[in-house]
Amino acid sequence: MAHSLSAKKRVRQNEKRRLRNRHRKDLVKGVVKNFDLAIAAGDVAKATDALKKVTQKLDRTAAKRTIHKNAASRKRSRLAKRLNTLKIKADSKAA
């Protein structure tokens, strides 16, 4: 248990930051889930829009330093690969 005033304040600050970071991560998970659902449904247009939202959310979360910028970049890249795979499959079915 914290005894000094500064240590008590640090505990309060850490709790606020933890909740804020958790909320941001939950939002990212939500938009990624929407992207996953669009990919599973095979809807290229919806998945493209969802990827745009995921990218924005990841970039903003990384800018706030909740997640590392390289982690955000890596996740963005992997999701874009999945979308490109879906696009290739859709084009091969259309042809």
C-alpha atoms as a PDB file:
ATOM      1  CA  MET A   1       0.000   0.000   0.000  1.00  0.00           C
ATOM      2  CA  ALA A   2       1.292   3.440  -0.905  1.00  0.00           C
ATOM      3  CA  HIS A   3       2.181   5.676   2.022  1.00  0.00           C
ATOM      4  CA  SER A   4       3.487   8.920   0.586  1.00  0.00           C
ATOM      5  CA  LEU A   5       1.246  11.418  -1.174  1.00  0.00           C
ATOM      6  CA  SER A   6       3.200  11.128  -4.404  1.00  0.00           C
ATOM      7  CA  ALA A   7       2.928   7.333  -4.354  1.00  0.00           C
ATOM      8  CA  LYS A   8      -0.839   7.569  -3.776  1.00  0.00           C
ATOM      9  CA  LYS A   9      -1.138   9.974  -6.673  1.00  0.00           C
ATOM     10  CA  ARG A  10       0.895   7.621  -8.873  1.00  0.00           C
ATOM     11  CA  VAL A  11      -1.506   4.782  -8.019  1.00  0.00           C
ATOM     12  CA  ARG A  12      -4.469   6.959  -9.052  1.00  0.00           C
ATOM     13  CA  GLN A  13      -2.760   7.971 -12.304  1.00  0.00           C
ATOM     14  CA  ASN A  14      -1.837   4.389 -13.145  1.00  0.00           C
ATOM     15  CA  GLU A  15      -5.412   3.238 -12.638  1.00  0.00           C
ATOM     16  CA  LYS A  16      -6.761   5.978 -14.928  1.00  0.00           C
ATOM     17  CA  ARG A  17      -4.212   5.128 -17.611  1.00  0.00           C
ATOM     18  CA  ARG A  18      -4.886   1.407 -17.312  1.00  0.00           C
ATOM     19  CA  LEU A  19      -8.612   1.932 -17.851  1.00  0.00           C
ATOM     20  CA  ARG A  20      -8.003   4.320 -20.734  1.00  0.00           C
ATOM     21  CA  ASN A  21      -5.603   1.917 -22.453  1.00  0.00           C
ATOM     22  CA  ARG A  22      -7.948  -1.002 -21.898  1.00  0.00           C
ATOM     23  CA  HIS A  23     -10.801   0.929 -23.494  1.00  0.00           C
ATOM     24  CA  ARG A  24      -8.674   1.781 -26.527  1.00  0.00           C
ATOM     25  CA  LYS A  25      -7.596  -1.841 -26.939  1.00  0.00           C
ATOM     26  CA  ASP A  26     -11.205  -2.995 -26.666  1.00  0.00           C
ATOM     27  CA  LEU A  27     -12.199  -0.582 -29.435  1.00  0.00           C
ATOM     28  CA  VAL A  28      -9.432  -1.964 -31.654  1.00  0.00           C
ATOM     29  CA  LYS A  29     -10.592  -5.513 -30.953  1.00  0.00           C
ATOM     30  CA  GLY A  30     -14.133  -4.518 -31.927  1.00  0.00           C
ATOM     31  CA  VAL A  31     -13.198  -3.077 -35.302  1.00  0.00           C
ATOM     32  CA  VAL A  32     -10.926  -6.045 -36.017  1.00  0.00           C
ATOM     33  CA  LYS A  33     -13.835  -8.352 -35.222  1.00  0.00           C
ATOM     34  CA  ASN A  34     -16.019  -6.467 -37.719  1.00  0.00           C
ATOM     35  CA  PHE A  35     -13.261  -6.911 -40.299  1.00  0.00           C
ATOM     36  CA  ASP A  36     -13.064 -10.640 -39.537  1.00  0.00           C
ATOM     37  CA  LEU A  37     -16.818 -10.994 -39.993  1.00  0.00           C
ATOM     38  CA  ALA A  38     -16.668  -9.221 -43.348  1.00  0.00           C
ATOM     39  CA  ILE A  39     -13.817 -11.481 -44.480  1.00  0.00           C
ATOM     40  CA  ALA A  40     -15.685 -14.598 -43.330  1.00  0.00           C
ATOM     41  CA  ALA A  41     -18.761 -13.461 -45.258  1.00  0.00           C
ATOM     42  CA  GLY A  42     -16.635 -12.932 -48.374  1.00  0.00           C
ATOM     43  CA  ASP A  43     -17.835  -9.336 -48.797  1.00  0.00           C
ATOM     44  CA  VAL A  44     -14.942  -7.450 -50.410  1.00  0.00           C
ATOM     45  CA  ALA A  45     -16.533  -3.996 -50.231  1.00  0.00           C
ATOM     46  CA  LYS A  46     -17.487  -4.323 -46.593  1.00  0.00           C
ATOM     47  CA  ALA A  47     -14.064  -5.759 -45.722  1.00  0.00           C
ATOM     48  CA  THR A  48     -12.337  -2.851 -47.489  1.00  0.00           C
ATOM     49  CA  ASP A  49     -14.328  -0.332 -45.471  1.00  0.00           C
ATOM     50  CA  ALA A  50     -13.674  -2.293 -42.291  1.00  0.00           C
ATOM     51  CA  LEU A  51      -9.927  -2.348 -43.015  1.00  0.00           C
ATOM     52  CA  LYS A  52      -9.958   1.422 -43.395  1.00  0.00           C
ATOM     53  CA  LYS A  53     -11.596   1.774 -39.976  1.00  0.00           C
ATOM     54  CA  VAL A  54      -9.172  -0.717 -38.418  1.00  0.00           C
ATOM     55  CA  THR A  55      -6.239   1.210 -39.866  1.00  0.00           C
ATOM     56  CA  GLN A  56      -7.496   4.492 -38.456  1.00  0.00           C
ATOM     57  CA  LYS A  57      -8.134   2.986 -35.033  1.00  0.00           C
ATOM     58  CA  LEU A  58      -4.750   1.244 -34.930  1.00  0.00           C
ATOM     59  CA  ASP A  59      -2.898   4.388 -35.980  1.00  0.00           C
ATOM     60  CA  ARG A  60      -4.657   6.496 -33.381  1.00  0.00           C
ATOM     61  CA  THR A  61      -4.050   3.912 -30.661  1.00  0.00           C
ATOM     62  CA  ALA A  62      -0.372   3.718 -31.599  1.00  0.00           C
ATOM     63  CA  ALA A  63      -0.105   7.507 -31.650  1.00  0.00           C
ATOM     64  CA  LYS A  64      -1.402   7.559 -28.073  1.00  0.00           C
ATOM     65  CA  ARG A  65       1.240   4.912 -27.248  1.00  0.00           C
ATOM     66  CA  THR A  66      -1.270   2.395 -25.992  1.00  0.00           C
ATOM     67  CA  ILE A  67       0.245  -0.106 -28.405  1.00  0.00           C
ATOM     68  CA  HIS A  68       3.632   0.103 -30.072  1.00  0.00           C
ATOM     69  CA  LYS A  69       3.706   1.620 -33.553  1.00  0.00           C
ATOM     70  CA  ASN A  70       5.404  -1.463 -34.987  1.00  0.00           C
ATOM     71  CA  ALA A  71       2.757  -3.724 -33.475  1.00  0.00           C
ATOM     72  CA  ALA A  72       0.060  -1.588 -35.107  1.00  0.00           C
ATOM     73  CA  SER A  73       1.916  -1.689 -38.405  1.00  0.00           C
ATOM     74  CA  ARG A  74       2.335  -5.461 -38.228  1.00  0.00           C
ATOM     75  CA  LYS A  75      -1.358  -6.003 -37.496  1.00  0.00           C
ATOM     76  CA  ARG A  76      -2.351  -3.628 -40.314  1.00  0.00           C
ATOM     77  CA  SER A  77      -0.101  -5.499 -42.726  1.00  0.00           C
ATOM     78  CA  ARG A  78      -1.489  -8.907 -41.797  1.00  0.00           C
ATOM     79  CA  LEU A  79      -5.068  -7.730 -42.151  1.00  0.00           C
ATOM     80  CA  ALA A  80      -4.294  -6.168 -45.537  1.00  0.00           C
ATOM     81  CA  LYS A  81      -2.817  -9.502 -46.677  1.00  0.00           C
ATOM     82  CA  ARG A  82      -6.038 -11.246 -45.722  1.00  0.00           C
ATOM     83  CA  LEU A  83      -8.067  -8.697 -47.671  1.00  0.00           C
ATOM     84  CA  ASN A  84      -5.840  -9.077 -50.721  1.00  0.00           C
ATOM     85  CA  THR A  85      -6.257 -12.853 -50.558  1.00  0.00           C
ATOM     86  CA  LEU A  86     -10.024 -12.400 -50.472  1.00  0.00           C
ATOM     87  CA  LYS A  87      -9.865 -10.047 -53.465  1.00  0.00           C
ATOM     88  CA  ILE A  88      -7.830 -12.571 -55.460  1.00  0.00           C
ATOM     89  CA  LYS A  89     -10.305 -15.332 -54.651  1.00  0.00           C
ATOM     90  CA  ALA A  90     -13.226 -13.083 -55.642  1.00  0.00           C
ATOM     91  CA  ASP A  91     -11.544 -12.182 -58.937  1.00  0.00           C
ATOM     92  CA  SER A  92     -10.792 -15.815 -59.773  1.00  0.00           C
ATOM     93  CA  LYS A  93     -14.424 -16.783 -59.113  1.00  0.00           C
ATOM     94  CA  ALA A  94     -15.681 -13.930 -61.309  1.00  0.00           C
ATOM     95  CA  ALA A  95     -13.437 -14.923 -64.202  1.00  0.00           C
END
